[in-house]
Amino acid sequence: MDALINTESEQETCIVCQKPVRYGTGFAHIKHDRCMVTLCCPLCMETFQKHPAPYVALQAARNLPRTSKPDVLP
């Protein structure tokens, strides 16, 4: 895994515990399988490294653009 800094200016959340992490802070920003993840502390990093797949899948699902509007009943 390569350690990379995310350059987005918006507030992010830790991929493991969902704790808010402001730009430029946090324990680590890493790239895993073309997905940038933010981790707030060593414990979350250890948890992510043991089983990254469910967290990466959740992150990918959040980043998918909505292609259709939800059905609305008349």
C-alpha atoms as a PDB file:
ATOM      1  CA  MET A   1       0.000   0.000   0.000  1.00  0.00           C
ATOM      2  CA  ASP A   2       1.267   3.451  -0.883  1.00  0.00           C
ATOM      3  CA  ALA A   3       0.852   6.315   1.572  1.00  0.00           C
ATOM      4  CA  LEU A   4      -0.680   9.317  -0.180  1.00  0.00           C
ATOM      5  CA  ILE A   5      -2.169  12.588   1.015  1.00  0.00           C
ATOM      6  CA  ASN A   6      -5.657  13.381  -0.172  1.00  0.00           C
ATOM      7  CA  THR A   7      -5.867  16.863  -1.679  1.00  0.00           C
ATOM      8  CA  GLU A   8      -9.610  17.382  -1.323  1.00  0.00           C
ATOM      9  CA  SER A   9     -10.615  20.369   0.784  1.00  0.00           C
ATOM     10  CA  GLU A  10     -13.773  18.876   2.241  1.00  0.00           C
ATOM     11  CA  GLN A  11     -14.122  17.063   5.551  1.00  0.00           C
ATOM     12  CA  GLU A  12     -13.740  13.312   5.380  1.00  0.00           C
ATOM     13  CA  THR A  13     -14.534  10.455   7.733  1.00  0.00           C
ATOM     14  CA  CYS A  14     -12.458   7.528   8.906  1.00  0.00           C
ATOM     15  CA  ILE A  15     -13.320   4.515   6.747  1.00  0.00           C
ATOM     16  CA  VAL A  16     -13.433   2.215   9.806  1.00  0.00           C
ATOM     17  CA  CYS A  17     -15.137   4.138  12.629  1.00  0.00           C
ATOM     18  CA  GLN A  18     -16.745   7.015  10.640  1.00  0.00           C
ATOM     19  CA  LYS A  19     -15.157   9.631  12.916  1.00  0.00           C
ATOM     20  CA  PRO A  20     -14.807  13.037  11.170  1.00  0.00           C
ATOM     21  CA  VAL A  21     -11.310  13.851   9.938  1.00  0.00           C
ATOM     22  CA  ARG A  22     -10.488  17.347   8.671  1.00  0.00           C
ATOM     23  CA  TYR A  23      -8.258  17.918   5.635  1.00  0.00           C
ATOM     24  CA  GLY A  24      -4.588  17.660   6.574  1.00  0.00           C
ATOM     25  CA  THR A  25      -5.276  15.743   9.769  1.00  0.00           C
ATOM     26  CA  GLY A  26      -5.883  12.141  10.654  1.00  0.00           C
ATOM     27  CA  PHE A  27      -3.489   9.283  11.168  1.00  0.00           C
ATOM     28  CA  ALA A  28      -3.131   8.163   7.544  1.00  0.00           C
ATOM     29  CA  HIS A  29      -4.440   8.597   4.025  1.00  0.00           C
ATOM     30  CA  ILE A  30      -3.666   5.508   1.975  1.00  0.00           C
ATOM     31  CA  LYS A  31      -4.465   4.220  -1.482  1.00  0.00           C
ATOM     32  CA  HIS A  32      -5.810   0.686  -1.571  1.00  0.00           C
ATOM     33  CA  ASP A  33      -6.851  -0.858  -4.904  1.00  0.00           C
ATOM     34  CA  ARG A  34      -7.435   2.529  -6.601  1.00  0.00           C
ATOM     35  CA  CYS A  35      -9.486   3.755  -3.631  1.00  0.00           C
ATOM     36  CA  MET A  36      -8.204   6.508  -1.321  1.00  0.00           C
ATOM     37  CA  VAL A  37      -9.068   5.825   2.315  1.00  0.00           C
ATOM     38  CA  THR A  38      -8.730   7.976   5.424  1.00  0.00           C
ATOM     39  CA  LEU A  39      -7.875   6.496   8.820  1.00  0.00           C
ATOM     40  CA  CYS A  40      -8.070   8.436  12.084  1.00  0.00           C
ATOM     41  CA  CYS A  41      -5.812   6.371  14.372  1.00  0.00           C
ATOM     42  CA  PRO A  42      -3.463   3.367  14.610  1.00  0.00           C
ATOM     43  CA  LEU A  43      -6.278   1.095  15.819  1.00  0.00           C
ATOM     44  CA  CYS A  44      -8.405   1.858  12.764  1.00  0.00           C
ATOM     45  CA  MET A  45      -5.386   1.317  10.506  1.00  0.00           C
ATOM     46  CA  GLU A  46      -4.748  -2.092  12.093  1.00  0.00           C
ATOM     47  CA  THR A  47      -8.423  -3.020  11.733  1.00  0.00           C
ATOM     48  CA  PHE A  48      -8.453  -1.930   8.083  1.00  0.00           C
ATOM     49  CA  GLN A  49      -5.252  -3.816   7.263  1.00  0.00           C
ATOM     50  CA  LYS A  50      -6.635  -7.073   8.703  1.00  0.00           C
ATOM     51  CA  HIS A  51      -9.814  -7.031   6.561  1.00  0.00           C
ATOM     52  CA  PRO A  52      -9.849  -4.164   4.021  1.00  0.00           C
ATOM     53  CA  ALA A  53     -12.415  -5.593   1.580  1.00  0.00           C
ATOM     54  CA  PRO A  54     -15.650  -4.640   3.402  1.00  0.00           C
ATOM     55  CA  TYR A  55     -14.413  -1.110   4.087  1.00  0.00           C
ATOM     56  CA  VAL A  56     -13.251  -0.550   0.499  1.00  0.00           C
ATOM     57  CA  ALA A  57     -16.575  -1.878  -0.813  1.00  0.00           C
ATOM     58  CA  LEU A  58     -18.460   0.507   1.463  1.00  0.00           C
ATOM     59  CA  GLN A  59     -16.294   3.435   0.346  1.00  0.00           C
ATOM     60  CA  ALA A  60     -16.782   2.530  -3.320  1.00  0.00           C
ATOM     61  CA  ALA A  61     -20.545   2.327  -2.838  1.00  0.00           C
ATOM     62  CA  ARG A  62     -20.582   5.800  -1.296  1.00  0.00           C
ATOM     63  CA  ASN A  63     -18.632   7.259  -4.217  1.00  0.00           C
ATOM     64  CA  LEU A  64     -20.944   5.896  -6.934  1.00  0.00           C
ATOM     65  CA  PRO A  65     -22.879   8.635  -8.693  1.00  0.00           C
ATOM     66  CA  ARG A  66     -26.638   8.292  -8.654  1.00  0.00           C
ATOM     67  CA  THR A  67     -27.787   7.589 -12.186  1.00  0.00           C
ATOM     68  CA  SER A  68     -31.506   7.503 -11.547  1.00  0.00           C
ATOM     69  CA  LYS A  69     -33.939   9.319  -9.355  1.00  0.00           C
ATOM     70  CA  PRO A  70     -35.857   7.366  -6.725  1.00  0.00           C
ATOM     71  CA  ASP A  71     -39.389   6.396  -7.682  1.00  0.00           C
ATOM     72  CA  VAL A  72     -41.966   8.838  -6.409  1.00  0.00           C
ATOM     73  CA  LEU A  73     -45.569   7.840  -6.037  1.00  0.00           C
ATOM     74  CA  PRO A  74     -48.133  10.331  -7.458  1.00  0.00           C
END
